[in-house]
Amino acid sequence: MQYYWLMLNRTYLAILTKNSLLGIVANGLVSDEGNDVLANYLVRKLVIRGDLDDPFSYVKSEHIEKATYLDLEGDEILAQNNANFRLHYQDITSVQYDPKKKWGMGKYPHDGKIYIESSTRKTIELIILGNQSGADIRARILSNQENLSR
């Protein structure tokens, strides 16, 4: 998940391809239920239901279906949604893992954040949703980056 415009958020399906890290928008705004009945009524469609430890619970199939038949290495995946992104491993300058919980995540389990810096765009902060290891994800990105440079 990524926050943008201060408090809005979107969820990505992050895919490690042979040459790059690809982020495909997999859900729009997500909200947590609160104690206010009216507020809960207003955000009910934004609340994630099901097994919150399962990272795929945060993915909406209609977002992924739009990208199903697109070439993951091609430009059409980026044109499909202007929030989709691709970071080529050779452009990544730093990958940091911060295990501290992200403020505002409510009941949603997460394993901190990963910060990815690149020479081609500003730093990307990704919140690791569900039962996943941010440290393992960081290691996989760095391993793919090393394998590409060999």
C-alpha atoms as a PDB file:
ATOM      1  CA  MET A   1       0.000   0.000   0.000  1.00  0.00           C
ATOM      2  CA  GLN A   2       1.105   3.532  -0.616  1.00  0.00           C
ATOM      3  CA  TYR A   3      -0.170   6.824   0.760  1.00  0.00           C
ATOM      4  CA  TYR A   4      -0.484   9.766  -1.623  1.00  0.00           C
ATOM      5  CA  TRP A   5      -1.931  13.266  -1.309  1.00  0.00           C
ATOM      6  CA  LEU A   6      -1.362  13.145   2.468  1.00  0.00           C
ATOM      7  CA  MET A   7      -4.117  10.721   3.506  1.00  0.00           C
ATOM      8  CA  LEU A   8      -5.350   8.862   0.424  1.00  0.00           C
ATOM      9  CA  ASN A   9      -4.020   5.397  -0.282  1.00  0.00           C
ATOM     10  CA  ARG A  10      -3.848   2.766  -2.976  1.00  0.00           C
ATOM     11  CA  THR A  11      -2.759  -0.839  -2.883  1.00  0.00           C
ATOM     12  CA  TYR A  12      -0.256  -2.301  -5.318  1.00  0.00           C
ATOM     13  CA  LEU A  13       0.438  -5.813  -6.434  1.00  0.00           C
ATOM     14  CA  ALA A  14       4.238  -5.712  -6.538  1.00  0.00           C
ATOM     15  CA  ILE A  15       5.808  -8.102  -9.021  1.00  0.00           C
ATOM     16  CA  LEU A  16       9.510  -8.825  -9.300  1.00  0.00           C
ATOM     17  CA  THR A  17      10.243  -9.558 -12.952  1.00  0.00           C
ATOM     18  CA  LYS A  18      13.591 -10.540 -14.427  1.00  0.00           C
ATOM     19  CA  ASN A  19      14.565  -6.901 -15.012  1.00  0.00           C
ATOM     20  CA  SER A  20      12.415  -4.749 -12.760  1.00  0.00           C
ATOM     21  CA  LEU A  21      10.067  -4.171  -9.863  1.00  0.00           C
ATOM     22  CA  LEU A  22       6.584  -3.596 -11.218  1.00  0.00           C
ATOM     23  CA  GLY A  23       3.778  -2.015  -9.198  1.00  0.00           C
ATOM     24  CA  ILE A  24       0.242  -2.608 -10.506  1.00  0.00           C
ATOM     25  CA  VAL A  25      -2.643  -0.828  -8.788  1.00  0.00           C
ATOM     26  CA  ALA A  26      -4.656  -3.610  -7.148  1.00  0.00           C
ATOM     27  CA  ASN A  27      -7.120  -1.614  -5.034  1.00  0.00           C
ATOM     28  CA  GLY A  28      -8.273   1.949  -4.631  1.00  0.00           C
ATOM     29  CA  LEU A  29      -8.977   3.693  -1.367  1.00  0.00           C
ATOM     30  CA  VAL A  30      -9.011   1.507   1.738  1.00  0.00           C
ATOM     31  CA  SER A  31     -10.451   2.615   5.073  1.00  0.00           C
ATOM     32  CA  ASP A  32     -10.780   1.189   8.547  1.00  0.00           C
ATOM     33  CA  GLU A  33     -14.010   0.994  10.495  1.00  0.00           C
ATOM     34  CA  GLY A  34     -14.311   3.313  13.448  1.00  0.00           C
ATOM     35  CA  ASN A  35     -16.751   3.796  16.297  1.00  0.00           C
ATOM     36  CA  ASP A  36     -19.087   6.184  14.484  1.00  0.00           C
ATOM     37  CA  VAL A  37     -22.153   4.560  12.853  1.00  0.00           C
ATOM     38  CA  LEU A  38     -22.518   7.244  10.165  1.00  0.00           C
ATOM     39  CA  ALA A  39     -18.821   7.195   9.293  1.00  0.00           C
ATOM     40  CA  ASN A  40     -18.896   3.385   9.078  1.00  0.00           C
ATOM     41  CA  TYR A  41     -21.868   3.570   6.705  1.00  0.00           C
ATOM     42  CA  LEU A  42     -19.951   5.969   4.461  1.00  0.00           C
ATOM     43  CA  VAL A  43     -16.749   3.891   4.321  1.00  0.00           C
ATOM     44  CA  ARG A  44     -18.301   0.404   4.270  1.00  0.00           C
ATOM     45  CA  LYS A  45     -17.211  -0.292   0.667  1.00  0.00           C
ATOM     46  CA  LEU A  46     -13.658   0.766   1.474  1.00  0.00           C
ATOM     47  CA  VAL A  47     -13.188  -1.682   4.352  1.00  0.00           C
ATOM     48  CA  ILE A  48     -11.233  -4.885   3.664  1.00  0.00           C
ATOM     49  CA  ARG A  49     -13.039  -8.022   4.786  1.00  0.00           C
ATOM     50  CA  GLY A  50     -11.821 -11.599   5.044  1.00  0.00           C
ATOM     51  CA  ASP A  51      -8.452 -12.931   6.160  1.00  0.00           C
ATOM     52  CA  LEU A  52      -6.471  -9.763   6.805  1.00  0.00           C
ATOM     53  CA  ASP A  53      -3.244 -11.776   7.139  1.00  0.00           C
ATOM     54  CA  ASP A  54      -3.615 -12.905   3.500  1.00  0.00           C
ATOM     55  CA  PRO A  55      -1.986 -10.233   1.294  1.00  0.00           C
ATOM     56  CA  PHE A  56      -4.347 -11.157  -1.558  1.00  0.00           C
ATOM     57  CA  SER A  57      -7.345 -10.077   0.567  1.00  0.00           C
ATOM     58  CA  TYR A  58      -6.348  -6.501  -0.251  1.00  0.00           C
ATOM     59  CA  VAL A  59      -6.392  -7.109  -4.022  1.00  0.00           C
ATOM     60  CA  LYS A  60      -9.554  -6.433  -6.029  1.00  0.00           C
ATOM     61  CA  SER A  61      -9.886  -8.741  -9.000  1.00  0.00           C
ATOM     62  CA  GLU A  62     -11.267  -6.038 -11.308  1.00  0.00           C
ATOM     63  CA  HIS A  63      -7.996  -4.107 -11.018  1.00  0.00           C
ATOM     64  CA  ILE A  64      -5.883  -7.151 -11.817  1.00  0.00           C
ATOM     65  CA  GLU A  65      -8.137  -8.376 -14.652  1.00  0.00           C
ATOM     66  CA  LYS A  66      -7.383  -5.160 -16.545  1.00  0.00           C
ATOM     67  CA  ALA A  67      -3.690  -6.069 -16.540  1.00  0.00           C
ATOM     68  CA  THR A  68      -3.971  -9.855 -16.946  1.00  0.00           C
ATOM     69  CA  TYR A  69      -3.088 -10.078 -20.643  1.00  0.00           C
ATOM     70  CA  LEU A  70      -0.644  -7.202 -20.799  1.00  0.00           C
ATOM     71  CA  ASP A  71       3.083  -7.735 -21.242  1.00  0.00           C
ATOM     72  CA  LEU A  72       4.644  -7.099 -17.829  1.00  0.00           C
ATOM     73  CA  GLU A  73       7.832  -5.848 -19.468  1.00  0.00           C
ATOM     74  CA  GLY A  74       5.990  -3.672 -22.025  1.00  0.00           C
ATOM     75  CA  ASP A  75       4.832  -0.074 -21.816  1.00  0.00           C
ATOM     76  CA  GLU A  76       1.103  -0.882 -22.060  1.00  0.00           C
ATOM     77  CA  ILE A  77       1.058  -1.979 -18.404  1.00  0.00           C
ATOM     78  CA  LEU A  78       2.133   1.545 -17.438  1.00  0.00           C
ATOM     79  CA  ALA A  79      -0.414   3.142 -19.770  1.00  0.00           C
ATOM     80  CA  GLN A  80      -3.215   0.983 -18.289  1.00  0.00           C
ATOM     81  CA  ASN A  81      -3.122   3.054 -15.073  1.00  0.00           C
ATOM     82  CA  ASN A  82      -0.969   6.150 -14.596  1.00  0.00           C
ATOM     83  CA  ALA A  83      -0.270   5.098 -10.982  1.00  0.00           C
ATOM     84  CA  ASN A  84       1.333   1.819 -12.120  1.00  0.00           C
ATOM     85  CA  PHE A  85       5.117   1.959 -11.983  1.00  0.00           C
ATOM     86  CA  ARG A  86       8.211   0.087 -13.077  1.00  0.00           C
ATOM     87  CA  LEU A  87      11.636   0.441 -11.510  1.00  0.00           C
ATOM     88  CA  HIS A  88      14.429  -1.222 -13.442  1.00  0.00           C
ATOM     89  CA  TYR A  89      16.864  -2.878 -11.062  1.00  0.00           C
ATOM     90  CA  GLN A  90      19.821  -0.978 -12.534  1.00  0.00           C
ATOM     91  CA  ASP A  91      18.068   2.312 -11.639  1.00  0.00           C
ATOM     92  CA  ILE A  92      17.447   1.360  -7.994  1.00  0.00           C
ATOM     93  CA  THR A  93      19.991   3.113  -5.791  1.00  0.00           C
ATOM     94  CA  SER A  94      18.733   2.053  -2.350  1.00  0.00           C
ATOM     95  CA  VAL A  95      16.218  -0.313  -0.743  1.00  0.00           C
ATOM     96  CA  GLN A  96      15.562   0.221   2.964  1.00  0.00           C
ATOM     97  CA  TYR A  97      13.254  -1.683   5.282  1.00  0.00           C
ATOM     98  CA  ASP A  98      11.682   0.032   8.298  1.00  0.00           C
ATOM     99  CA  PRO A  99       9.904  -2.448  10.613  1.00  0.00           C
ATOM    100  CA  LYS A 100       8.001   0.287  12.488  1.00  0.00           C
ATOM    101  CA  LYS A 101       4.242   0.251  12.009  1.00  0.00           C
ATOM    102  CA  LYS A 102       2.750   2.931   9.779  1.00  0.00           C
ATOM    103  CA  TRP A 103       0.513   5.402  11.568  1.00  0.00           C
ATOM    104  CA  GLY A 104      -3.116   5.311  10.451  1.00  0.00           C
ATOM    105  CA  MET A 105      -3.237   1.644   9.451  1.00  0.00           C
ATOM    106  CA  GLY A 106      -5.875   0.777  12.082  1.00  0.00           C
ATOM    107  CA  LYS A 107      -6.623  -2.933  12.368  1.00  0.00           C
ATOM    108  CA  TYR A 108      -4.779  -3.859   9.194  1.00  0.00           C
ATOM    109  CA  PRO A 109      -1.772  -6.084   9.917  1.00  0.00           C
ATOM    110  CA  HIS A 110       1.402  -4.970   8.204  1.00  0.00           C
ATOM    111  CA  ASP A 111       5.138  -5.465   8.485  1.00  0.00           C
ATOM    112  CA  GLY A 112       6.445  -1.936   8.292  1.00  0.00           C
ATOM    113  CA  LYS A 113       7.549  -0.173   5.149  1.00  0.00           C
ATOM    114  CA  ILE A 114      10.041  -0.473   2.341  1.00  0.00           C
ATOM    115  CA  TYR A 115      11.629   2.650   0.866  1.00  0.00           C
ATOM    116  CA  ILE A 116      12.946   2.324  -2.666  1.00  0.00           C
ATOM    117  CA  GLU A 117      15.108   5.068  -4.117  1.00  0.00           C
ATOM    118  CA  SER A 118      15.957   5.216  -7.775  1.00  0.00           C
ATOM    119  CA  SER A 119      17.763   7.456 -10.197  1.00  0.00           C
ATOM    120  CA  THR A 120      14.605   7.844 -12.289  1.00  0.00           C
ATOM    121  CA  ARG A 121      11.910   8.848  -9.771  1.00  0.00           C
ATOM    122  CA  LYS A 122      11.368  10.000  -6.223  1.00  0.00           C
ATOM    123  CA  THR A 123      11.513   7.572  -3.305  1.00  0.00           C
ATOM    124  CA  ILE A 124       8.647   5.094  -3.196  1.00  0.00           C
ATOM    125  CA  GLU A 125       7.312   4.052   0.209  1.00  0.00           C
ATOM    126  CA  LEU A 126       5.421   0.753   0.216  1.00  0.00           C
ATOM    127  CA  ILE A 127       3.579  -0.533   3.289  1.00  0.00           C
ATOM    128  CA  ILE A 128       3.840  -4.330   3.529  1.00  0.00           C
ATOM    129  CA  LEU A 129       0.262  -5.598   4.048  1.00  0.00           C
ATOM    130  CA  GLY A 130      -0.806  -8.854   5.669  1.00  0.00           C
ATOM    131  CA  ASN A 131       1.478 -11.664   6.747  1.00  0.00           C
ATOM    132  CA  GLN A 132       4.572 -10.864   4.698  1.00  0.00           C
ATOM    133  CA  SER A 133       8.144 -10.081   5.630  1.00  0.00           C
ATOM    134  CA  GLY A 134       9.418  -6.652   4.641  1.00  0.00           C
ATOM    135  CA  ALA A 135      12.966  -7.825   5.306  1.00  0.00           C
ATOM    136  CA  ASP A 136      12.495 -10.786   2.933  1.00  0.00           C
ATOM    137  CA  ILE A 137      10.987  -8.563   0.229  1.00  0.00           C
ATOM    138  CA  ARG A 138      13.922  -6.162   0.523  1.00  0.00           C
ATOM    139  CA  ALA A 139      16.355  -9.086   0.234  1.00  0.00           C
ATOM    140  CA  ARG A 140      14.576 -10.413  -2.885  1.00  0.00           C
ATOM    141  CA  ILE A 141      14.738  -7.015  -4.600  1.00  0.00           C
ATOM    142  CA  LEU A 142      18.451  -6.728  -3.813  1.00  0.00           C
ATOM    143  CA  SER A 143      19.085 -10.317  -4.938  1.00  0.00           C
ATOM    144  CA  ASN A 144      17.333  -9.712  -8.266  1.00  0.00           C
ATOM    145  CA  GLN A 145      19.349  -6.527  -8.665  1.00  0.00           C
ATOM    146  CA  GLU A 146      22.605  -8.451  -8.035  1.00  0.00           C
ATOM    147  CA  ASN A 147      21.634 -11.253 -10.435  1.00  0.00           C
ATOM    148  CA  LEU A 148      20.991  -8.727 -13.195  1.00  0.00           C
ATOM    149  CA  SER A 149      24.415  -7.125 -12.791  1.00  0.00           C
ATOM    150  CA  ARG A 150      26.251 -10.474 -13.143  1.00  0.00           C
END
